[in-house]
Amino acid sequence: TRVSNVWSISEPDALTNLVLQSEHISTSDMPRLIDAAIRFICIPATLAGVETVVIKPRSEQVFLMGAMAQALPEIRNVFMYRDVVGYVNSLFRMIQRVAGDPDVLTNDALRDDIWFFSTANGTVRAAEDFKRTRPEGLDNLEMIVMGWMLRMRAYQDAVAAGVSVVPLQYESLNKNRRIETERLLGACGLDVGQADLAMAAFDQDAHAGSQTGNAGAARDLSADQRDRVAALVREWSDLDLA
């Protein structure tokens, strides 16, 4: 069961790859490549005569939000985000399942992988500002917190540049499901009267059957780790990011 006349696409690799290769793509070429990628991704929906396509990209796509709006100015943008502790805890649990290691925050073998994810392949120059605060190098937890701050700053920069975006907090969506689901549908130009159909998604694990599914064993951040996450945000909140 799903909202009628809507085709949903989750985390297409084509858009992710453009983010990861953005250092090698000119600012003039990027919008054209995004336009081509999205039109290619949407071919099945177009052939099926679907009226609306909803694309849920991976989080690093926020780094190209401005280019996305330039490529397709008619699209509607929703930025769903977690609070910092929720984001770090979710990623911490996901990495545990992938790596098979409950101590991923102290596992030096994962440092390069976590840096790669946090910075989208190192394409965010502002990451250098965080590195300068730790001459000895950022640890795994610090890199994950940095990744959250980089994503939030990218969203803020896009809004400041004039991109129209509706923010939607993940925690609020879970707490006020009907109100926020109706707001989400409205932001996408969809019929809010179909909220019941859309809310059926809450009964499903989007990653069920995969390595990152919620059924996989993983522990949460400890109280001390949560306190450290909050302390890092306080410390870094005044950084003048590039």
C-alpha atoms as a PDB file:
ATOM      1  CA  THR A   1       0.000   0.000   0.000  1.00  0.00           C
ATOM      2  CA  ARG A   2       1.382   3.411  -0.923  1.00  0.00           C
ATOM      3  CA  VAL A   3       0.303   6.912  -1.772  1.00  0.00           C
ATOM      4  CA  SER A   4      -1.310   6.814  -5.209  1.00  0.00           C
ATOM      5  CA  ASN A   5       0.538   8.088  -8.292  1.00  0.00           C
ATOM      6  CA  VAL A   6       3.840   8.302  -6.425  1.00  0.00           C
ATOM      7  CA  TRP A   7       7.025   6.430  -7.321  1.00  0.00           C
ATOM      8  CA  SER A   8       9.547   6.288  -4.484  1.00  0.00           C
ATOM      9  CA  ILE A   9      13.276   5.803  -5.109  1.00  0.00           C
ATOM     10  CA  SER A  10      15.632   5.226  -2.186  1.00  0.00           C
ATOM     11  CA  GLU A  11      19.315   6.193  -2.169  1.00  0.00           C
ATOM     12  CA  PRO A  12      20.165   5.907  -5.889  1.00  0.00           C
ATOM     13  CA  ASP A  13      23.873   5.310  -6.436  1.00  0.00           C
ATOM     14  CA  ALA A  14      24.058   7.710  -9.379  1.00  0.00           C
ATOM     15  CA  LEU A  15      23.497  10.754  -7.175  1.00  0.00           C
ATOM     16  CA  THR A  16      25.814   9.465  -4.459  1.00  0.00           C
ATOM     17  CA  ASN A  17      28.575   8.946  -7.008  1.00  0.00           C
ATOM     18  CA  LEU A  18      28.256  12.549  -8.189  1.00  0.00           C
ATOM     19  CA  VAL A  19      28.860  13.728  -4.634  1.00  0.00           C
ATOM     20  CA  LEU A  20      31.858  11.455  -4.229  1.00  0.00           C
ATOM     21  CA  GLN A  21      33.333  12.670  -7.528  1.00  0.00           C
ATOM     22  CA  SER A  22      32.466  16.341  -7.061  1.00  0.00           C
ATOM     23  CA  GLU A  23      36.114  17.378  -6.686  1.00  0.00           C
ATOM     24  CA  HIS A  24      36.608  16.327 -10.312  1.00  0.00           C
ATOM     25  CA  ILE A  25      33.432  17.888 -11.735  1.00  0.00           C
ATOM     26  CA  SER A  26      33.197  21.574 -12.618  1.00  0.00           C
ATOM     27  CA  THR A  27      30.471  23.746 -11.103  1.00  0.00           C
ATOM     28  CA  SER A  28      29.038  24.264 -14.597  1.00  0.00           C
ATOM     29  CA  ASP A  29      28.934  20.556 -15.416  1.00  0.00           C
ATOM     30  CA  MET A  30      27.482  19.370 -12.089  1.00  0.00           C
ATOM     31  CA  PRO A  31      23.895  20.644 -12.618  1.00  0.00           C
ATOM     32  CA  ARG A  32      23.797  19.064 -16.080  1.00  0.00           C
ATOM     33  CA  LEU A  33      25.015  15.737 -14.714  1.00  0.00           C
ATOM     34  CA  ILE A  34      22.482  15.864 -11.881  1.00  0.00           C
ATOM     35  CA  ASP A  35      19.704  16.600 -14.364  1.00  0.00           C
ATOM     36  CA  ALA A  36      20.772  13.679 -16.567  1.00  0.00           C
ATOM     37  CA  ALA A  37      21.106  11.311 -13.601  1.00  0.00           C
ATOM     38  CA  ILE A  38      17.674  12.145 -12.209  1.00  0.00           C
ATOM     39  CA  ARG A  39      15.969  11.858 -15.573  1.00  0.00           C
ATOM     40  CA  PHE A  40      17.623   8.470 -16.100  1.00  0.00           C
ATOM     41  CA  ILE A  41      16.618   7.297 -12.610  1.00  0.00           C
ATOM     42  CA  CYS A  42      13.026   8.344 -13.287  1.00  0.00           C
ATOM     43  CA  ILE A  43      12.635   6.486 -16.620  1.00  0.00           C
ATOM     44  CA  PRO A  44      10.657   3.558 -15.085  1.00  0.00           C
ATOM     45  CA  ALA A  45       8.258   5.984 -13.398  1.00  0.00           C
ATOM     46  CA  THR A  46       7.871   7.973 -16.600  1.00  0.00           C
ATOM     47  CA  LEU A  47       7.082   4.829 -18.595  1.00  0.00           C
ATOM     48  CA  ALA A  48       4.530   3.826 -15.973  1.00  0.00           C
ATOM     49  CA  GLY A  49       2.797   7.196 -16.215  1.00  0.00           C
ATOM     50  CA  VAL A  50       3.434   8.071 -12.573  1.00  0.00           C
ATOM     51  CA  GLU A  51       2.706  11.698 -11.717  1.00  0.00           C
ATOM     52  CA  THR A  52       5.187  12.226  -8.875  1.00  0.00           C
ATOM     53  CA  VAL A  53       8.620  10.797  -8.143  1.00  0.00           C
ATOM     54  CA  VAL A  54      10.053  11.060  -4.640  1.00  0.00           C
ATOM     55  CA  ILE A  55      13.794  10.498  -4.324  1.00  0.00           C
ATOM     56  CA  LYS A  56      15.316   9.847  -0.922  1.00  0.00           C
ATOM     57  CA  PRO A  57      19.078  10.339  -1.395  1.00  0.00           C
ATOM     58  CA  ARG A  58      21.819   9.482   1.068  1.00  0.00           C
ATOM     59  CA  SER A  59      22.747  12.167   3.575  1.00  0.00           C
ATOM     60  CA  GLU A  60      25.822  13.374   1.708  1.00  0.00           C
ATOM     61  CA  GLN A  61      23.561  14.622  -1.090  1.00  0.00           C
ATOM     62  CA  VAL A  62      23.036  17.739   1.037  1.00  0.00           C
ATOM     63  CA  PHE A  63      26.491  18.842  -0.117  1.00  0.00           C
ATOM     64  CA  LEU A  64      25.029  19.270  -3.622  1.00  0.00           C
ATOM     65  CA  MET A  65      21.692  20.785  -2.605  1.00  0.00           C
ATOM     66  CA  GLY A  66      22.462  24.043  -4.398  1.00  0.00           C
ATOM     67  CA  ALA A  67      23.449  22.261  -7.596  1.00  0.00           C
ATOM     68  CA  MET A  68      20.319  20.095  -7.356  1.00  0.00           C
ATOM     69  CA  ALA A  69      18.116  23.193  -7.169  1.00  0.00           C
ATOM     70  CA  GLN A  70      19.989  24.732 -10.091  1.00  0.00           C
ATOM     71  CA  ALA A  71      19.598  21.577 -12.163  1.00  0.00           C
ATOM     72  CA  LEU A  72      15.882  21.157 -11.504  1.00  0.00           C
ATOM     73  CA  PRO A  73      14.416  24.357 -10.040  1.00  0.00           C
ATOM     74  CA  GLU A  74      10.918  22.851 -10.108  1.00  0.00           C
ATOM     75  CA  ILE A  75      11.732  20.126  -7.568  1.00  0.00           C
ATOM     76  CA  ARG A  76      10.589  20.370  -3.959  1.00  0.00           C
ATOM     77  CA  ASN A  77      13.216  19.880  -1.271  1.00  0.00           C
ATOM     78  CA  VAL A  78      12.709  18.348   2.165  1.00  0.00           C
ATOM     79  CA  PHE A  79      15.655  18.138   4.542  1.00  0.00           C
ATOM     80  CA  MET A  80      15.057  15.403   7.115  1.00  0.00           C
ATOM     81  CA  TYR A  81      17.580  15.517   9.909  1.00  0.00           C
ATOM     82  CA  ARG A  82      18.310  14.036  13.326  1.00  0.00           C
ATOM     83  CA  ASP A  83      19.590  15.793  16.409  1.00  0.00           C
ATOM     84  CA  VAL A  84      23.316  15.240  16.778  1.00  0.00           C
ATOM     85  CA  VAL A  85      23.112  12.501  19.420  1.00  0.00           C
ATOM     86  CA  GLY A  86      20.459  10.646  17.436  1.00  0.00           C
ATOM     87  CA  TYR A  87      22.535  10.909  14.253  1.00  0.00           C
ATOM     88  CA  VAL A  88      25.745   9.705  15.896  1.00  0.00           C
ATOM     89  CA  ASN A  89      23.947   6.868  17.692  1.00  0.00           C
ATOM     90  CA  SER A  90      22.239   5.712  14.485  1.00  0.00           C
ATOM     91  CA  LEU A  91      25.489   5.733  12.542  1.00  0.00           C
ATOM     92  CA  PHE A  92      27.303   4.047  15.423  1.00  0.00           C
ATOM     93  CA  ARG A  93      24.783   1.197  15.379  1.00  0.00           C
ATOM     94  CA  MET A  94      24.910   0.904  11.589  1.00  0.00           C
ATOM     95  CA  ILE A  95      28.713   0.692  11.485  1.00  0.00           C
ATOM     96  CA  GLN A  96      28.665  -1.981  14.191  1.00  0.00           C
ATOM     97  CA  ARG A  97      26.436  -4.158  12.030  1.00  0.00           C
ATOM     98  CA  VAL A  98      28.552  -3.642   8.920  1.00  0.00           C
ATOM     99  CA  ALA A  99      31.907  -4.069  10.655  1.00  0.00           C
ATOM    100  CA  GLY A 100      30.761  -6.739  13.101  1.00  0.00           C
ATOM    101  CA  ASP A 101      32.491  -4.832  15.880  1.00  0.00           C
ATOM    102  CA  PRO A 102      30.781  -3.207  18.897  1.00  0.00           C
ATOM    103  CA  ASP A 103      33.895  -1.097  19.554  1.00  0.00           C
ATOM    104  CA  VAL A 104      33.932   0.747  16.235  1.00  0.00           C
ATOM    105  CA  LEU A 105      34.580   4.080  17.934  1.00  0.00           C
ATOM    106  CA  THR A 106      37.986   2.867  19.098  1.00  0.00           C
ATOM    107  CA  ASN A 107      38.838   0.708  16.090  1.00  0.00           C
ATOM    108  CA  ASP A 108      41.678   2.445  14.242  1.00  0.00           C
ATOM    109  CA  ALA A 109      41.193   0.148  11.247  1.00  0.00           C
ATOM    110  CA  LEU A 110      37.909   1.946  10.520  1.00  0.00           C
ATOM    111  CA  ARG A 111      39.303   5.470  10.616  1.00  0.00           C
ATOM    112  CA  ASP A 112      39.643   5.850   6.836  1.00  0.00           C
ATOM    113  CA  ASP A 113      36.152   4.466   6.208  1.00  0.00           C
ATOM    114  CA  ILE A 114      34.559   6.815   8.738  1.00  0.00           C
ATOM    115  CA  TRP A 115      36.476   9.801   7.337  1.00  0.00           C
ATOM    116  CA  PHE A 116      35.337   8.838   3.823  1.00  0.00           C
ATOM    117  CA  PHE A 117      31.688   8.794   4.904  1.00  0.00           C
ATOM    118  CA  SER A 118      31.834  11.864   7.118  1.00  0.00           C
ATOM    119  CA  THR A 119      33.356  14.075   4.418  1.00  0.00           C
ATOM    120  CA  ALA A 120      31.871  12.438   1.311  1.00  0.00           C
ATOM    121  CA  ASN A 121      35.246  11.268   0.075  1.00  0.00           C
ATOM    122  CA  GLY A 122      37.054  14.292   1.490  1.00  0.00           C
ATOM    123  CA  THR A 123      35.354  16.743  -0.839  1.00  0.00           C
ATOM    124  CA  VAL A 124      34.282  19.129   1.939  1.00  0.00           C
ATOM    125  CA  ARG A 125      37.092  21.609   2.464  1.00  0.00           C
ATOM    126  CA  ALA A 126      35.590  22.727   5.777  1.00  0.00           C
ATOM    127  CA  ALA A 127      36.732  19.402   7.243  1.00  0.00           C
ATOM    128  CA  GLU A 128      40.202  20.898   7.402  1.00  0.00           C
ATOM    129  CA  ASP A 129      38.943  23.355  10.030  1.00  0.00           C
ATOM    130  CA  PHE A 130      37.993  20.480  12.309  1.00  0.00           C
ATOM    131  CA  LYS A 131      41.332  18.759  11.725  1.00  0.00           C
ATOM    132  CA  ARG A 132      43.198  21.872  12.843  1.00  0.00           C
ATOM    133  CA  THR A 133      41.583  21.586  16.285  1.00  0.00           C
ATOM    134  CA  ARG A 134      43.163  18.146  16.701  1.00  0.00           C
ATOM    135  CA  PRO A 135      46.811  18.193  15.556  1.00  0.00           C
ATOM    136  CA  GLU A 136      47.087  14.587  16.709  1.00  0.00           C
ATOM    137  CA  GLY A 137      44.200  13.596  14.456  1.00  0.00           C
ATOM    138  CA  LEU A 138      40.444  13.179  14.867  1.00  0.00           C
ATOM    139  CA  ASP A 139      39.238   9.978  16.498  1.00  0.00           C
ATOM    140  CA  ASN A 140      36.274   7.991  15.163  1.00  0.00           C
ATOM    141  CA  LEU A 141      33.643   9.652  17.341  1.00  0.00           C
ATOM    142  CA  GLU A 142      34.949  13.118  16.481  1.00  0.00           C
ATOM    143  CA  MET A 143      34.769  12.343  12.768  1.00  0.00           C
ATOM    144  CA  ILE A 144      31.140  11.232  13.025  1.00  0.00           C
ATOM    145  CA  VAL A 145      30.182  14.384  14.931  1.00  0.00           C
ATOM    146  CA  MET A 146      32.049  16.420  12.312  1.00  0.00           C
ATOM    147  CA  GLY A 147      30.013  14.679   9.597  1.00  0.00           C
ATOM    148  CA  TRP A 148      26.765  15.796  11.262  1.00  0.00           C
ATOM    149  CA  MET A 149      28.000  19.371  11.585  1.00  0.00           C
ATOM    150  CA  LEU A 150      29.146  19.474   7.956  1.00  0.00           C
ATOM    151  CA  ARG A 151      25.740  18.276   6.774  1.00  0.00           C
ATOM    152  CA  MET A 152      23.875  20.794   8.906  1.00  0.00           C
ATOM    153  CA  ARG A 153      26.138  23.588   7.676  1.00  0.00           C
ATOM    154  CA  ALA A 154      25.581  22.528   4.051  1.00  0.00           C
ATOM    155  CA  TYR A 155      21.823  22.738   4.610  1.00  0.00           C
ATOM    156  CA  GLN A 156      22.133  26.177   6.206  1.00  0.00           C
ATOM    157  CA  ASP A 157      24.346  27.389   3.364  1.00  0.00           C
ATOM    158  CA  ALA A 158      21.833  26.187   0.768  1.00  0.00           C
ATOM    159  CA  VAL A 159      18.986  28.021   2.516  1.00  0.00           C
ATOM    160  CA  ALA A 160      21.128  31.168   2.808  1.00  0.00           C
ATOM    161  CA  ALA A 161      21.789  30.927  -0.937  1.00  0.00           C
ATOM    162  CA  GLY A 162      18.050  30.965  -1.633  1.00  0.00           C
ATOM    163  CA  VAL A 163      17.232  27.275  -2.028  1.00  0.00           C
ATOM    164  CA  SER A 164      13.673  26.572  -0.860  1.00  0.00           C
ATOM    165  CA  VAL A 165      13.805  23.712   1.656  1.00  0.00           C
ATOM    166  CA  VAL A 166      11.295  22.365   4.172  1.00  0.00           C
ATOM    167  CA  PRO A 167      13.121  21.074   7.289  1.00  0.00           C
ATOM    168  CA  LEU A 168      11.708  17.979   8.986  1.00  0.00           C
ATOM    169  CA  GLN A 169      13.200  16.642  12.195  1.00  0.00           C
ATOM    170  CA  TYR A 170      13.312  12.864  12.436  1.00  0.00           C
ATOM    171  CA  GLU A 171      12.541  12.844  16.161  1.00  0.00           C
ATOM    172  CA  SER A 172       9.515  15.072  15.676  1.00  0.00           C
ATOM    173  CA  LEU A 173       8.278  12.842  12.836  1.00  0.00           C
ATOM    174  CA  ASN A 174       8.370   9.833  15.141  1.00  0.00           C
ATOM    175  CA  LYS A 175       6.744  11.678  18.041  1.00  0.00           C
ATOM    176  CA  ASN A 176       3.999  13.471  16.081  1.00  0.00           C
ATOM    177  CA  ARG A 177       3.485  11.039  13.256  1.00  0.00           C
ATOM    178  CA  ARG A 178       0.224  12.250  11.768  1.00  0.00           C
ATOM    179  CA  ILE A 179       0.979  15.961  12.000  1.00  0.00           C
ATOM    180  CA  GLU A 180       4.454  15.599  10.552  1.00  0.00           C
ATOM    181  CA  THR A 181       3.389  13.079   7.894  1.00  0.00           C
ATOM    182  CA  GLU A 182       0.740  15.497   6.683  1.00  0.00           C
ATOM    183  CA  ARG A 183       3.323  18.281   6.670  1.00  0.00           C
ATOM    184  CA  LEU A 184       5.680  16.068   4.670  1.00  0.00           C
ATOM    185  CA  LEU A 185       2.994  15.250   2.104  1.00  0.00           C
ATOM    186  CA  GLY A 186       2.089  18.925   1.811  1.00  0.00           C
ATOM    187  CA  ALA A 187       5.737  19.883   1.341  1.00  0.00           C
ATOM    188  CA  CYS A 188       5.912  17.398  -1.547  1.00  0.00           C
ATOM    189  CA  GLY A 189       2.715  18.710  -3.120  1.00  0.00           C
ATOM    190  CA  LEU A 190       0.851  15.500  -2.323  1.00  0.00           C
ATOM    191  CA  ASP A 191      -2.626  14.874  -0.948  1.00  0.00           C
ATOM    192  CA  VAL A 192      -2.491  15.126   2.870  1.00  0.00           C
ATOM    193  CA  GLY A 193      -5.677  13.050   2.912  1.00  0.00           C
ATOM    194  CA  GLN A 194      -3.506  10.025   2.110  1.00  0.00           C
ATOM    195  CA  ALA A 195      -1.596  10.315   5.389  1.00  0.00           C
ATOM    196  CA  ASP A 196      -2.914   6.935   6.588  1.00  0.00           C
ATOM    197  CA  LEU A 197      -1.358   5.215   3.574  1.00  0.00           C
ATOM    198  CA  ALA A 198       1.925   7.026   4.067  1.00  0.00           C
ATOM    199  CA  MET A 199       2.011   6.237   7.794  1.00  0.00           C
ATOM    200  CA  ALA A 200       2.029   2.521   7.051  1.00  0.00           C
ATOM    201  CA  ALA A 201       5.753   3.002   6.463  1.00  0.00           C
ATOM    202  CA  PHE A 202       6.257   3.344  10.218  1.00  0.00           C
ATOM    203  CA  ASP A 203       5.404  -0.355  10.582  1.00  0.00           C
ATOM    204  CA  GLN A 204       8.262  -1.406   8.324  1.00  0.00           C
ATOM    205  CA  ASP A 205      12.043  -1.499   8.611  1.00  0.00           C
ATOM    206  CA  ALA A 206      13.326   0.089   5.417  1.00  0.00           C
ATOM    207  CA  HIS A 207      16.553  -1.896   5.803  1.00  0.00           C
ATOM    208  CA  ALA A 208      14.919  -5.215   6.654  1.00  0.00           C
ATOM    209  CA  GLY A 209      16.895  -8.156   5.315  1.00  0.00           C
ATOM    210  CA  SER A 210      20.031  -6.093   4.773  1.00  0.00           C
ATOM    211  CA  GLN A 211      23.196  -5.948   6.829  1.00  0.00           C
ATOM    212  CA  THR A 212      22.101  -2.636   8.320  1.00  0.00           C
ATOM    213  CA  GLY A 213      18.580  -3.783   9.298  1.00  0.00           C
ATOM    214  CA  ASN A 214      17.368  -2.916  12.783  1.00  0.00           C
ATOM    215  CA  ALA A 215      17.145  -6.585  13.663  1.00  0.00           C
ATOM    216  CA  GLY A 216      20.934  -6.807  13.704  1.00  0.00           C
ATOM    217  CA  ALA A 217      22.637  -6.696  17.093  1.00  0.00           C
ATOM    218  CA  ALA A 218      24.177  -3.357  18.017  1.00  0.00           C
ATOM    219  CA  ARG A 219      24.578  -1.333  21.186  1.00  0.00           C
ATOM    220  CA  ASP A 220      23.785   2.331  21.746  1.00  0.00           C
ATOM    221  CA  LEU A 221      26.130   5.108  22.776  1.00  0.00           C
ATOM    222  CA  SER A 222      26.944   5.124  26.471  1.00  0.00           C
ATOM    223  CA  ALA A 223      25.991   8.071  28.665  1.00  0.00           C
ATOM    224  CA  ASP A 224      29.614   9.235  28.651  1.00  0.00           C
ATOM    225  CA  GLN A 225      29.764   9.051  24.859  1.00  0.00           C
ATOM    226  CA  ARG A 226      26.536  11.031  24.547  1.00  0.00           C
ATOM    227  CA  ASP A 227      27.956  13.696  26.847  1.00  0.00           C
ATOM    228  CA  ARG A 228      31.106  13.841  24.728  1.00  0.00           C
ATOM    229  CA  VAL A 229      29.073  14.272  21.542  1.00  0.00           C
ATOM    230  CA  ALA A 230      27.305  17.268  23.076  1.00  0.00           C
ATOM    231  CA  ALA A 231      30.630  18.687  24.306  1.00  0.00           C
ATOM    232  CA  LEU A 232      32.155  18.412  20.829  1.00  0.00           C
ATOM    233  CA  VAL A 233      29.276  20.345  19.282  1.00  0.00           C
ATOM    234  CA  ARG A 234      29.689  23.077  21.879  1.00  0.00           C
ATOM    235  CA  GLU A 235      33.411  23.222  21.220  1.00  0.00           C
ATOM    236  CA  TRP A 236      33.080  23.357  17.439  1.00  0.00           C
ATOM    237  CA  SER A 237      29.966  25.506  17.127  1.00  0.00           C
ATOM    238  CA  ASP A 238      32.025  28.687  16.754  1.00  0.00           C
ATOM    239  CA  LEU A 239      34.292  27.355  14.005  1.00  0.00           C
ATOM    240  CA  ASP A 240      34.352  29.659  10.993  1.00  0.00           C
ATOM    241  CA  LEU A 241      34.002  26.897   8.433  1.00  0.00           C
ATOM    242  CA  ALA A 242      35.465  27.363   4.957  1.00  0.00           C
END
